[in-house]
Amino acid sequence: MRAFDATPGGDLLAEFETQEVALFIDLVQQIIGLLERVKDGEADVEPSVLARLFPDAYTDAPGAADEFRRFTLDDLIDRKVENAKGVLASFNVAQSRLTADGEIRLVLLDREHAMYWLGTLTDLRLVLATSLGIATVSDEGAVESPDAEYVESLYDWFGFAQGSLLEALEEVEGIGG
């Protein structure tokens, strides 16, 4: 992946290799499936993942937090699924370019789709961070398992994508330092 850049027209552009697109699409589809299972009440999802994706609104009042969740969870899930589907849509309309190394997909985002991406990248990183045992920046690398290195590389890759998207968005919006 080449970092997101602001275009002269005010959009945001990144280049992805074919295998990166396939991996990204697969993980986004998995997030959609996970969210839909939660909404359907099929709670085969690790409670710590749910706690990261849907934190308590009231940490000092469990009853109020449960009540708030009861009234908002479906809407939160719908928004997260909408974000993820927006990411998939941006891959569906991405143009391709052939290079000496293979095919490159050119993902061009307007502001609305940039917001879809930011939300979905956050969700992906939260799920990965939970599986790695990362609760704070100082926890990075907390879990040691055969898959931990791979999962951590995905976590870092999504962090790179998210960071470059934010920087390009700040440039387009004329904010930041």
Protein backbone atom coordinates (compact mmCIF):
# COMPACT_ATOMS: atom_id res chain seq x y z
CA MET A 1 0.00 0.00 0.00
CA ARG A 2 1.10 3.48 -0.77
CA ALA A 3 -0.11 6.07 1.74
CA PHE A 4 -3.20 8.14 1.14
CA ASP A 5 -2.49 11.50 -0.47
CA ALA A 6 -4.70 14.50 -1.08
CA THR A 7 -5.50 15.08 -4.74
CA PRO A 8 -5.72 18.55 -6.32
CA GLY A 9 -9.51 18.04 -6.51
CA GLY A 10 -9.80 17.51 -2.77
CA ASP A 11 -10.23 13.75 -2.80
CA LEU A 12 -7.96 11.18 -1.16
CA LEU A 13 -6.03 8.58 -3.13
CA ALA A 14 -4.15 5.43 -2.12
CA GLU A 15 -2.67 2.56 -4.09
CA PHE A 16 -3.15 -1.05 -3.04
CA GLU A 17 -1.60 -4.20 -4.44
CA THR A 18 -4.03 -6.92 -5.50
CA GLN A 19 -3.28 -9.20 -2.54
CA GLU A 20 -3.73 -6.26 -0.14
CA VAL A 21 -7.16 -5.58 -1.63
CA ALA A 22 -8.15 -9.24 -1.25
CA LEU A 23 -6.99 -9.31 2.39
CA PHE A 24 -8.66 -6.01 3.21
CA ILE A 25 -11.96 -7.09 1.62
CA ASP A 26 -11.87 -10.42 3.45
CA LEU A 27 -11.32 -8.77 6.84
CA VAL A 28 -13.99 -6.13 6.22
CA GLN A 29 -16.45 -8.88 5.27
CA GLN A 30 -15.55 -10.71 8.49
CA ILE A 31 -16.28 -7.53 10.49
CA ILE A 32 -19.66 -7.24 8.76
CA GLY A 33 -20.42 -10.89 9.58
CA LEU A 34 -19.39 -10.40 13.21
CA LEU A 35 -21.58 -7.31 13.56
CA GLU A 36 -24.56 -9.01 11.96
CA ARG A 37 -24.21 -12.00 14.31
CA VAL A 38 -24.17 -9.64 17.28
CA LYS A 39 -27.29 -7.89 16.01
CA ASP A 40 -29.03 -11.23 15.43
CA GLY A 41 -28.21 -12.26 19.01
CA GLU A 42 -25.77 -14.97 17.99
CA ALA A 43 -23.32 -14.08 20.74
CA ASP A 44 -20.49 -16.38 19.68
CA VAL A 45 -18.26 -13.33 19.88
CA GLU A 46 -15.57 -12.92 22.52
CA PRO A 47 -16.98 -10.56 25.21
CA SER A 48 -13.74 -8.55 25.23
CA VAL A 49 -14.19 -7.83 21.51
CA LEU A 50 -17.73 -6.59 22.13
CA ALA A 51 -16.52 -4.46 25.02
CA ARG A 52 -13.97 -2.80 22.72
CA LEU A 53 -16.39 -2.26 19.83
CA PHE A 54 -19.25 -1.14 22.09
CA PRO A 55 -17.81 0.29 25.31
CA ASP A 56 -20.09 1.09 28.23
CA ALA A 57 -21.56 4.57 28.04
CA TYR A 58 -21.64 4.76 31.84
CA THR A 59 -18.68 3.05 33.46
CA ASP A 60 -19.85 3.81 36.98
CA ALA A 61 -23.48 2.71 36.48
CA PRO A 62 -23.83 -0.79 34.98
CA GLY A 63 -27.63 -0.62 34.94
CA ALA A 64 -27.62 2.66 33.04
CA ALA A 65 -24.98 1.29 30.66
CA ASP A 66 -27.14 -1.78 29.94
CA GLU A 67 -30.20 0.39 29.38
CA PHE A 68 -28.27 2.72 27.04
CA ARG A 69 -26.92 -0.27 25.10
CA ARG A 70 -30.41 -1.74 24.78
CA PHE A 71 -31.62 1.42 23.04
CA THR A 72 -28.56 2.16 20.91
CA LEU A 73 -26.82 -1.11 20.00
CA ASP A 74 -28.78 -1.84 16.82
CA ASP A 75 -28.18 1.68 15.49
CA LEU A 76 -24.46 1.46 16.34
CA ILE A 77 -24.21 -1.86 14.56
CA ASP A 78 -26.08 -0.51 11.53
CA ARG A 79 -23.66 2.44 11.34
CA LYS A 80 -20.61 0.17 11.61
CA VAL A 81 -22.00 -2.11 8.87
CA GLU A 82 -22.73 0.94 6.70
CA ASN A 83 -19.14 2.10 7.18
CA ALA A 84 -17.78 -1.33 6.24
CA LYS A 85 -19.99 -1.56 3.17
CA GLY A 86 -18.78 1.91 2.15
CA VAL A 87 -15.21 0.59 2.28
CA LEU A 88 -16.17 -2.38 0.12
CA ALA A 89 -17.91 -0.05 -2.34
CA SER A 90 -14.75 2.04 -2.69
CA PHE A 91 -12.82 -1.09 -3.68
CA ASN A 92 -15.56 -2.03 -6.17
CA VAL A 93 -15.18 1.26 -8.05
CA ALA A 94 -11.40 1.49 -7.73
CA GLN A 95 -9.52 1.79 -10.98
CA SER A 96 -6.67 -0.55 -11.83
CA ARG A 97 -3.24 0.17 -13.20
CA LEU A 98 -0.68 -2.36 -14.39
CA THR A 99 2.89 -1.96 -13.21
CA ALA A 100 6.02 -4.04 -13.63
CA ASP A 101 5.20 -5.62 -10.24
CA GLY A 102 1.57 -6.41 -11.05
CA GLU A 103 -1.82 -4.77 -10.79
CA ILE A 104 -2.37 -1.78 -8.52
CA ARG A 105 -5.83 -0.68 -7.37
CA LEU A 106 -6.31 3.08 -7.11
CA VAL A 107 -8.73 3.81 -4.28
CA LEU A 108 -10.15 7.32 -4.55
CA LEU A 109 -12.21 8.59 -1.63
CA ASP A 110 -14.38 11.63 -1.17
CA ARG A 111 -14.93 12.96 2.34
CA GLU A 112 -17.95 10.71 2.99
CA HIS A 113 -16.07 7.55 2.05
CA ALA A 114 -13.05 8.71 4.05
CA MET A 115 -15.32 8.71 7.11
CA TYR A 116 -16.46 5.16 6.27
CA TRP A 117 -12.83 4.12 6.08
CA LEU A 118 -11.85 5.79 9.35
CA GLY A 119 -14.69 4.07 11.21
CA THR A 120 -13.95 0.66 9.71
CA LEU A 121 -10.19 0.95 10.24
CA THR A 122 -10.89 1.78 13.88
CA ASP A 123 -13.14 -1.27 14.23
CA LEU A 124 -10.59 -3.54 12.57
CA ARG A 125 -7.81 -2.26 14.82
CA LEU A 126 -9.97 -2.66 17.95
CA VAL A 127 -10.69 -6.29 17.13
CA LEU A 128 -7.03 -6.99 16.36
CA ALA A 129 -5.87 -5.12 19.48
CA THR A 130 -8.18 -7.24 21.60
CA SER A 131 -6.76 -10.46 20.21
CA LEU A 132 -3.25 -9.13 20.88
CA GLY A 133 -4.07 -8.01 24.41
CA ILE A 134 -3.41 -4.36 23.57
CA ALA A 135 -5.37 -2.00 25.81
CA THR A 136 -2.94 0.95 25.71
CA VAL A 137 0.03 1.99 23.57
CA SER A 138 2.42 0.54 26.16
CA ASP A 139 0.73 -2.88 25.85
CA GLU A 140 1.79 -3.39 22.23
CA GLY A 141 3.16 -6.87 21.71
CA ALA A 142 1.47 -8.15 24.89
CA VAL A 143 0.34 -11.55 23.56
CA GLU A 144 2.79 -14.20 22.42
CA SER A 145 1.28 -16.81 20.13
CA PRO A 146 2.13 -18.35 16.76
CA ASP A 147 -0.28 -15.94 15.04
CA ALA A 148 0.57 -12.87 17.13
CA GLU A 149 3.26 -11.59 14.77
CA TYR A 150 0.91 -11.79 11.79
CA VAL A 151 -1.98 -10.17 13.67
CA GLU A 152 0.35 -7.44 14.93
CA SER A 153 1.53 -6.75 11.37
CA LEU A 154 -2.12 -6.36 10.32
CA TYR A 155 -2.73 -4.05 13.27
CA ASP A 156 0.27 -1.93 12.23
CA TRP A 157 -0.74 -1.96 8.56
CA PHE A 158 -4.24 -0.72 9.37
CA GLY A 159 -2.68 1.88 11.66
CA PHE A 160 -0.50 3.09 8.78
CA ALA A 161 -3.56 3.28 6.49
CA GLN A 162 -5.55 5.13 9.14
CA GLY A 163 -2.72 7.56 9.91
CA SER A 164 -2.05 8.37 6.27
CA LEU A 165 -5.78 8.83 5.65
CA LEU A 166 -6.03 11.24 8.58
CA GLU A 167 -3.02 13.22 7.38
CA ALA A 168 -4.41 13.48 3.84
CA LEU A 169 -7.83 14.45 5.19
CA GLU A 170 -6.25 17.16 7.35
CA GLU A 171 -4.51 18.50 4.25
CA VAL A 172 -7.78 18.57 2.29
CA GLU A 173 -9.66 20.15 5.20
CA GLY A 174 -6.86 22.67 5.84
CA ILE A 175 -6.40 21.62 9.48
CA GLY A 176 -3.48 20.29 11.48
CA GLY A 177 0.05 21.50 11.99
